[in-house]
Amino acid sequence: MLYVLSALFGLGFSGVMTSIWVSLRELVPPRVAATSLATVVMFAWMGMGFGGWYGGHVFDMTGGYTHSYAHAVVSGVVNVAIVAALVRHVGRARAALVAHPAA
C-alpha cells in the first residue's frame, strides 16, 4: 500500500511542479524566464522545507495538529489571493498591450 501511495503522491507532485514551468512560460517574457523560474522554485522549496519544520514545531508547542492545519489553510488562502492578483495583473497588462501596441 505504501508503494501505491508513493506513486500517487509522485504523480500528483510532478503535475504541480510541471505547472510551475508552464505558468511561468505563459506569464513572463523569455528574457527573464530563467531568473523567474529560479526565484519561484527557490521559494517553493523554502516553503516546503519550512512548512514541515513549522508543522512539527507547532505540534511540539500545542500537542496537536489543529493549529498546524489552521495555519496551513490560512497560508493556502493567502497563496490563492496572491496568484489571483498576479493573474489579474497579467490580464490587464496583456489587454493594455493589445489595445495600445508599441509602435
N, C-alpha and C. Protein backbone atom coordinates (compact mmCIF):
# COMPACT_ATOMS: atom_id res chain seq x y z
N MET A 1 0.82 -1.19 0.00
CA MET A 1 0.00 0.00 0.00
C MET A 1 0.87 1.26 0.00
N LEU A 2 2.01 1.18 0.66
CA LEU A 2 2.90 2.34 0.69
C LEU A 2 3.41 2.67 -0.71
N TYR A 3 3.68 1.65 -1.53
CA TYR A 3 4.14 1.88 -2.89
C TYR A 3 3.06 2.56 -3.72
N VAL A 4 1.82 2.16 -3.54
CA VAL A 4 0.71 2.78 -4.27
C VAL A 4 0.57 4.24 -3.86
N LEU A 5 0.61 4.50 -2.56
CA LEU A 5 0.52 5.87 -2.07
C LEU A 5 1.69 6.71 -2.58
N SER A 6 2.87 6.15 -2.58
CA SER A 6 4.05 6.86 -3.08
C SER A 6 3.91 7.19 -4.56
N ALA A 7 3.41 6.25 -5.34
CA ALA A 7 3.22 6.50 -6.77
C ALA A 7 2.18 7.59 -7.00
N LEU A 8 1.08 7.55 -6.28
CA LEU A 8 0.05 8.59 -6.43
C LEU A 8 0.57 9.96 -6.02
N PHE A 9 1.29 10.01 -4.92
CA PHE A 9 1.87 11.28 -4.49
C PHE A 9 2.86 11.79 -5.52
N GLY A 10 3.70 10.92 -6.03
CA GLY A 10 4.68 11.33 -7.03
C GLY A 10 4.03 11.86 -8.30
N LEU A 11 2.98 11.20 -8.75
CA LEU A 11 2.28 11.68 -9.95
C LEU A 11 1.64 13.04 -9.70
N GLY A 12 1.01 13.20 -8.56
CA GLY A 12 0.38 14.48 -8.24
C GLY A 12 1.41 15.59 -8.08
N PHE A 13 2.49 15.30 -7.38
CA PHE A 13 3.52 16.31 -7.15
C PHE A 13 4.20 16.69 -8.45
N SER A 14 4.43 15.73 -9.33
CA SER A 14 5.07 16.06 -10.60
C SER A 14 4.17 16.96 -11.43
N GLY A 15 2.87 16.81 -11.30
CA GLY A 15 1.96 17.70 -12.00
C GLY A 15 2.03 19.12 -11.48
N VAL A 16 2.20 19.25 -10.18
CA VAL A 16 2.31 20.59 -9.59
C VAL A 16 3.60 21.25 -10.05
N MET A 17 4.70 20.54 -10.00
CA MET A 17 5.98 21.12 -10.38
C MET A 17 5.98 21.47 -11.88
N THR A 18 5.38 20.64 -12.70
CA THR A 18 5.31 20.93 -14.12
C THR A 18 4.47 22.17 -14.38
N SER A 19 3.41 22.33 -13.63
CA SER A 19 2.56 23.51 -13.83
C SER A 19 3.28 24.81 -13.50
N ILE A 20 4.29 24.75 -12.62
CA ILE A 20 5.08 25.95 -12.33
C ILE A 20 5.78 26.41 -13.60
N TRP A 21 6.42 25.48 -14.32
CA TRP A 21 7.14 25.85 -15.53
C TRP A 21 6.20 26.34 -16.62
N VAL A 22 5.07 25.69 -16.77
CA VAL A 22 4.11 26.10 -17.79
C VAL A 22 3.55 27.49 -17.45
N SER A 23 3.22 27.72 -16.20
CA SER A 23 2.68 29.02 -15.79
C SER A 23 3.71 30.12 -16.02
N LEU A 24 4.93 29.88 -15.64
CA LEU A 24 5.96 30.90 -15.84
C LEU A 24 6.18 31.19 -17.32
N ARG A 25 6.15 30.16 -18.13
CA ARG A 25 6.33 30.37 -19.57
C ARG A 25 5.24 31.28 -20.12
N GLU A 26 4.03 31.14 -19.59
CA GLU A 26 2.92 31.96 -20.05
C GLU A 26 2.94 33.38 -19.46
N LEU A 27 3.49 33.53 -18.28
CA LEU A 27 3.35 34.80 -17.56
C LEU A 27 4.53 35.75 -17.68
N VAL A 28 5.70 35.27 -17.99
CA VAL A 28 6.86 36.16 -18.04
C VAL A 28 7.50 36.13 -19.43
N PRO A 29 8.13 37.23 -19.81
CA PRO A 29 8.83 37.25 -21.10
C PRO A 29 10.05 36.32 -21.08
N PRO A 30 10.44 35.82 -22.23
CA PRO A 30 11.56 34.87 -22.30
C PRO A 30 12.86 35.40 -21.70
N ARG A 31 13.10 36.71 -21.76
CA ARG A 31 14.37 37.25 -21.28
C ARG A 31 14.54 37.12 -19.77
N VAL A 32 13.45 36.95 -19.02
CA VAL A 32 13.55 36.81 -17.57
C VAL A 32 13.03 35.45 -17.08
N ALA A 33 12.81 34.52 -18.01
CA ALA A 33 12.23 33.23 -17.64
C ALA A 33 13.13 32.44 -16.69
N ALA A 34 14.41 32.40 -16.95
CA ALA A 34 15.31 31.61 -16.10
C ALA A 34 15.38 32.19 -14.69
N THR A 35 15.49 33.50 -14.58
CA THR A 35 15.54 34.15 -13.27
C THR A 35 14.22 33.95 -12.53
N SER A 36 13.12 34.07 -13.25
CA SER A 36 11.81 33.88 -12.63
C SER A 36 11.63 32.46 -12.13
N LEU A 37 12.02 31.49 -12.94
CA LEU A 37 11.90 30.09 -12.54
C LEU A 37 12.76 29.81 -11.31
N ALA A 38 13.99 30.31 -11.31
CA ALA A 38 14.86 30.07 -10.17
C ALA A 38 14.28 30.69 -8.90
N THR A 39 13.71 31.87 -9.00
CA THR A 39 13.14 32.54 -7.83
C THR A 39 11.92 31.79 -7.32
N VAL A 40 11.03 31.41 -8.20
CA VAL A 40 9.81 30.71 -7.80
C VAL A 40 10.15 29.36 -7.18
N VAL A 41 11.02 28.60 -7.81
CA VAL A 41 11.38 27.28 -7.29
C VAL A 41 12.11 27.41 -5.95
N MET A 42 12.96 28.43 -5.81
CA MET A 42 13.66 28.63 -4.54
C MET A 42 12.65 28.86 -3.41
N PHE A 43 11.67 29.74 -3.65
CA PHE A 43 10.68 30.00 -2.62
C PHE A 43 9.79 28.78 -2.38
N ALA A 44 9.50 28.02 -3.42
CA ALA A 44 8.70 26.80 -3.25
C ALA A 44 9.43 25.80 -2.37
N TRP A 45 10.70 25.59 -2.63
CA TRP A 45 11.47 24.65 -1.83
C TRP A 45 11.65 25.15 -0.40
N MET A 46 11.87 26.45 -0.25
CA MET A 46 11.97 27.00 1.11
C MET A 46 10.66 26.81 1.86
N GLY A 47 9.55 27.02 1.18
CA GLY A 47 8.25 26.83 1.81
C GLY A 47 8.00 25.39 2.20
N MET A 48 8.40 24.46 1.32
CA MET A 48 8.22 23.05 1.64
C MET A 48 9.09 22.64 2.82
N GLY A 49 10.30 23.14 2.87
CA GLY A 49 11.18 22.82 3.98
C GLY A 49 10.72 23.46 5.28
N PHE A 50 10.37 24.74 5.21
CA PHE A 50 9.92 25.45 6.41
C PHE A 50 8.59 24.91 6.90
N GLY A 51 7.70 24.55 5.97
CA GLY A 51 6.38 24.06 6.35
C GLY A 51 6.44 22.80 7.19
N GLY A 52 7.30 21.86 6.80
CA GLY A 52 7.44 20.63 7.57
C GLY A 52 7.99 20.90 8.96
N TRP A 53 9.01 21.74 9.02
CA TRP A 53 9.59 22.09 10.32
C TRP A 53 8.57 22.83 11.18
N TYR A 54 7.87 23.79 10.57
CA TYR A 54 6.91 24.60 11.31
C TYR A 54 5.76 23.75 11.85
N GLY A 55 5.27 22.82 11.02
CA GLY A 55 4.20 21.93 11.49
C GLY A 55 4.63 21.12 12.69
N GLY A 56 5.86 20.61 12.67
CA GLY A 56 6.38 19.87 13.81
C GLY A 56 6.58 20.75 15.02
N HIS A 57 7.04 21.97 14.80
CA HIS A 57 7.24 22.91 15.91
C HIS A 57 5.91 23.26 16.57
N VAL A 58 4.90 23.54 15.76
CA VAL A 58 3.58 23.86 16.32
C VAL A 58 3.01 22.66 17.07
N PHE A 59 3.22 21.46 16.53
CA PHE A 59 2.77 20.25 17.23
C PHE A 59 3.47 20.15 18.59
N ASP A 60 4.77 20.38 18.61
CA ASP A 60 5.51 20.31 19.88
C ASP A 60 5.01 21.35 20.88
N MET A 61 4.62 22.51 20.38
CA MET A 61 4.17 23.59 21.26
C MET A 61 2.74 23.37 21.77
N THR A 62 1.89 22.78 20.94
CA THR A 62 0.46 22.68 21.29
C THR A 62 0.02 21.26 21.62
N GLY A 63 0.78 20.26 21.19
CA GLY A 63 0.40 18.88 21.45
C GLY A 63 -0.62 18.33 20.47
N GLY A 64 -0.89 19.05 19.39
CA GLY A 64 -1.85 18.58 18.39
C GLY A 64 -1.60 19.26 17.05
N TYR A 65 -2.30 18.80 16.05
CA TYR A 65 -2.12 19.34 14.70
C TYR A 65 -3.18 20.37 14.31
N THR A 66 -4.11 20.68 15.18
CA THR A 66 -5.18 21.62 14.83
C THR A 66 -4.62 22.97 14.39
N HIS A 67 -3.71 23.52 15.16
CA HIS A 67 -3.14 24.82 14.82
C HIS A 67 -2.28 24.75 13.56
N SER A 68 -1.59 23.65 13.37
CA SER A 68 -0.78 23.49 12.15
C SER A 68 -1.67 23.51 10.91
N TYR A 69 -2.78 22.77 10.98
CA TYR A 69 -3.70 22.76 9.84
C TYR A 69 -4.35 24.12 9.63
N ALA A 70 -4.69 24.80 10.70
CA ALA A 70 -5.28 26.13 10.58
C ALA A 70 -4.29 27.10 9.91
N HIS A 71 -3.04 27.04 10.31
CA HIS A 71 -2.02 27.89 9.69
C HIS A 71 -1.82 27.52 8.22
N ALA A 72 -1.88 26.24 7.92
CA ALA A 72 -1.74 25.81 6.52
C ALA A 72 -2.89 26.32 5.67
N VAL A 73 -4.11 26.30 6.22
CA VAL A 73 -5.26 26.81 5.49
C VAL A 73 -5.11 28.30 5.24
N VAL A 74 -4.71 29.04 6.25
CA VAL A 74 -4.52 30.49 6.08
C VAL A 74 -3.43 30.75 5.04
N SER A 75 -2.35 30.01 5.09
CA SER A 75 -1.28 30.17 4.10
C SER A 75 -1.79 29.86 2.69
N GLY A 76 -2.60 28.83 2.55
CA GLY A 76 -3.17 28.50 1.25
C GLY A 76 -4.08 29.58 0.72
N VAL A 77 -4.89 30.18 1.59
CA VAL A 77 -5.78 31.26 1.17
C VAL A 77 -4.96 32.48 0.73
N VAL A 78 -3.91 32.80 1.48
CA VAL A 78 -3.04 33.91 1.09
C VAL A 78 -2.38 33.61 -0.25
N ASN A 79 -1.94 32.38 -0.46
CA ASN A 79 -1.33 31.99 -1.72
C ASN A 79 -2.30 32.15 -2.88
N VAL A 80 -3.53 31.71 -2.71
CA VAL A 80 -4.53 31.84 -3.77
C VAL A 80 -4.81 33.32 -4.06
N ALA A 81 -4.84 34.15 -3.04
CA ALA A 81 -5.06 35.59 -3.25
C ALA A 81 -3.91 36.20 -4.04
N ILE A 82 -2.69 35.80 -3.72
CA ILE A 82 -1.53 36.32 -4.47
C ILE A 82 -1.58 35.88 -5.92
N VAL A 83 -1.89 34.61 -6.15
CA VAL A 83 -1.98 34.11 -7.52
C VAL A 83 -3.10 34.82 -8.29
N ALA A 84 -4.23 35.04 -7.65
CA ALA A 84 -5.34 35.74 -8.31
C ALA A 84 -4.93 37.16 -8.67
N ALA A 85 -4.22 37.83 -7.77
CA ALA A 85 -3.76 39.20 -8.06
C ALA A 85 -2.78 39.21 -9.23
N LEU A 86 -1.88 38.22 -9.28
CA LEU A 86 -0.94 38.14 -10.39
C LEU A 86 -1.64 37.86 -11.72
N VAL A 87 -2.60 36.97 -11.69
CA VAL A 87 -3.35 36.66 -12.92
C VAL A 87 -4.11 37.89 -13.40
N ARG A 88 -4.73 38.60 -12.48
CA ARG A 88 -5.45 39.83 -12.84
C ARG A 88 -4.49 40.87 -13.40
N HIS A 89 -3.33 41.02 -12.80
CA HIS A 89 -2.34 41.99 -13.27
C HIS A 89 -1.85 41.65 -14.67
N VAL A 90 -1.53 40.38 -14.89
CA VAL A 90 -1.05 39.95 -16.20
C VAL A 90 -2.15 40.13 -17.25
N GLY A 91 -3.39 39.81 -16.89
CA GLY A 91 -4.50 40.00 -17.82
C GLY A 91 -4.68 41.46 -18.21
N ARG A 92 -4.57 42.35 -17.25
CA ARG A 92 -4.69 43.78 -17.55
C ARG A 92 -3.52 44.26 -18.41
N ALA A 93 -2.33 43.78 -18.11
CA ALA A 93 -1.16 44.19 -18.90
C ALA A 93 -1.28 43.70 -20.34
N ARG A 94 -1.76 42.48 -20.52
CA ARG A 94 -1.94 41.97 -21.89
C ARG A 94 -3.04 42.73 -22.62
N ALA A 95 -4.12 43.06 -21.92
CA ALA A 95 -5.20 43.82 -22.56
C ALA A 95 -4.71 45.20 -22.97
N ALA A 96 -3.90 45.82 -22.13
CA ALA A 96 -3.35 47.14 -22.47
C ALA A 96 -2.40 47.04 -23.66
N LEU A 97 -1.63 45.97 -23.73
CA LEU A 97 -0.72 45.78 -24.85
C LEU A 97 -1.49 45.58 -26.15
N VAL A 98 -2.58 44.83 -26.09
CA VAL A 98 -3.39 44.61 -27.28
C VAL A 98 -4.08 45.90 -27.71
N ALA A 99 -4.56 46.68 -26.73
CA ALA A 99 -5.26 47.92 -27.04
C ALA A 99 -4.32 49.00 -27.57
N HIS A 100 -3.10 49.02 -27.07
CA HIS A 100 -2.13 50.04 -27.46
C HIS A 100 -0.79 49.39 -27.78
N PRO A 101 -0.68 48.73 -28.94
CA PRO A 101 0.58 48.07 -29.27
C PRO A 101 1.70 49.08 -29.47
N ALA A 102 2.92 48.65 -29.15
CA ALA A 102 4.09 49.53 -29.32
C ALA A 102 4.31 49.79 -30.79
N ALA A 103 4.72 51.00 -31.09
CA ALA A 103 4.93 51.39 -32.49
C ALA A 103 6.20 50.83 -33.04
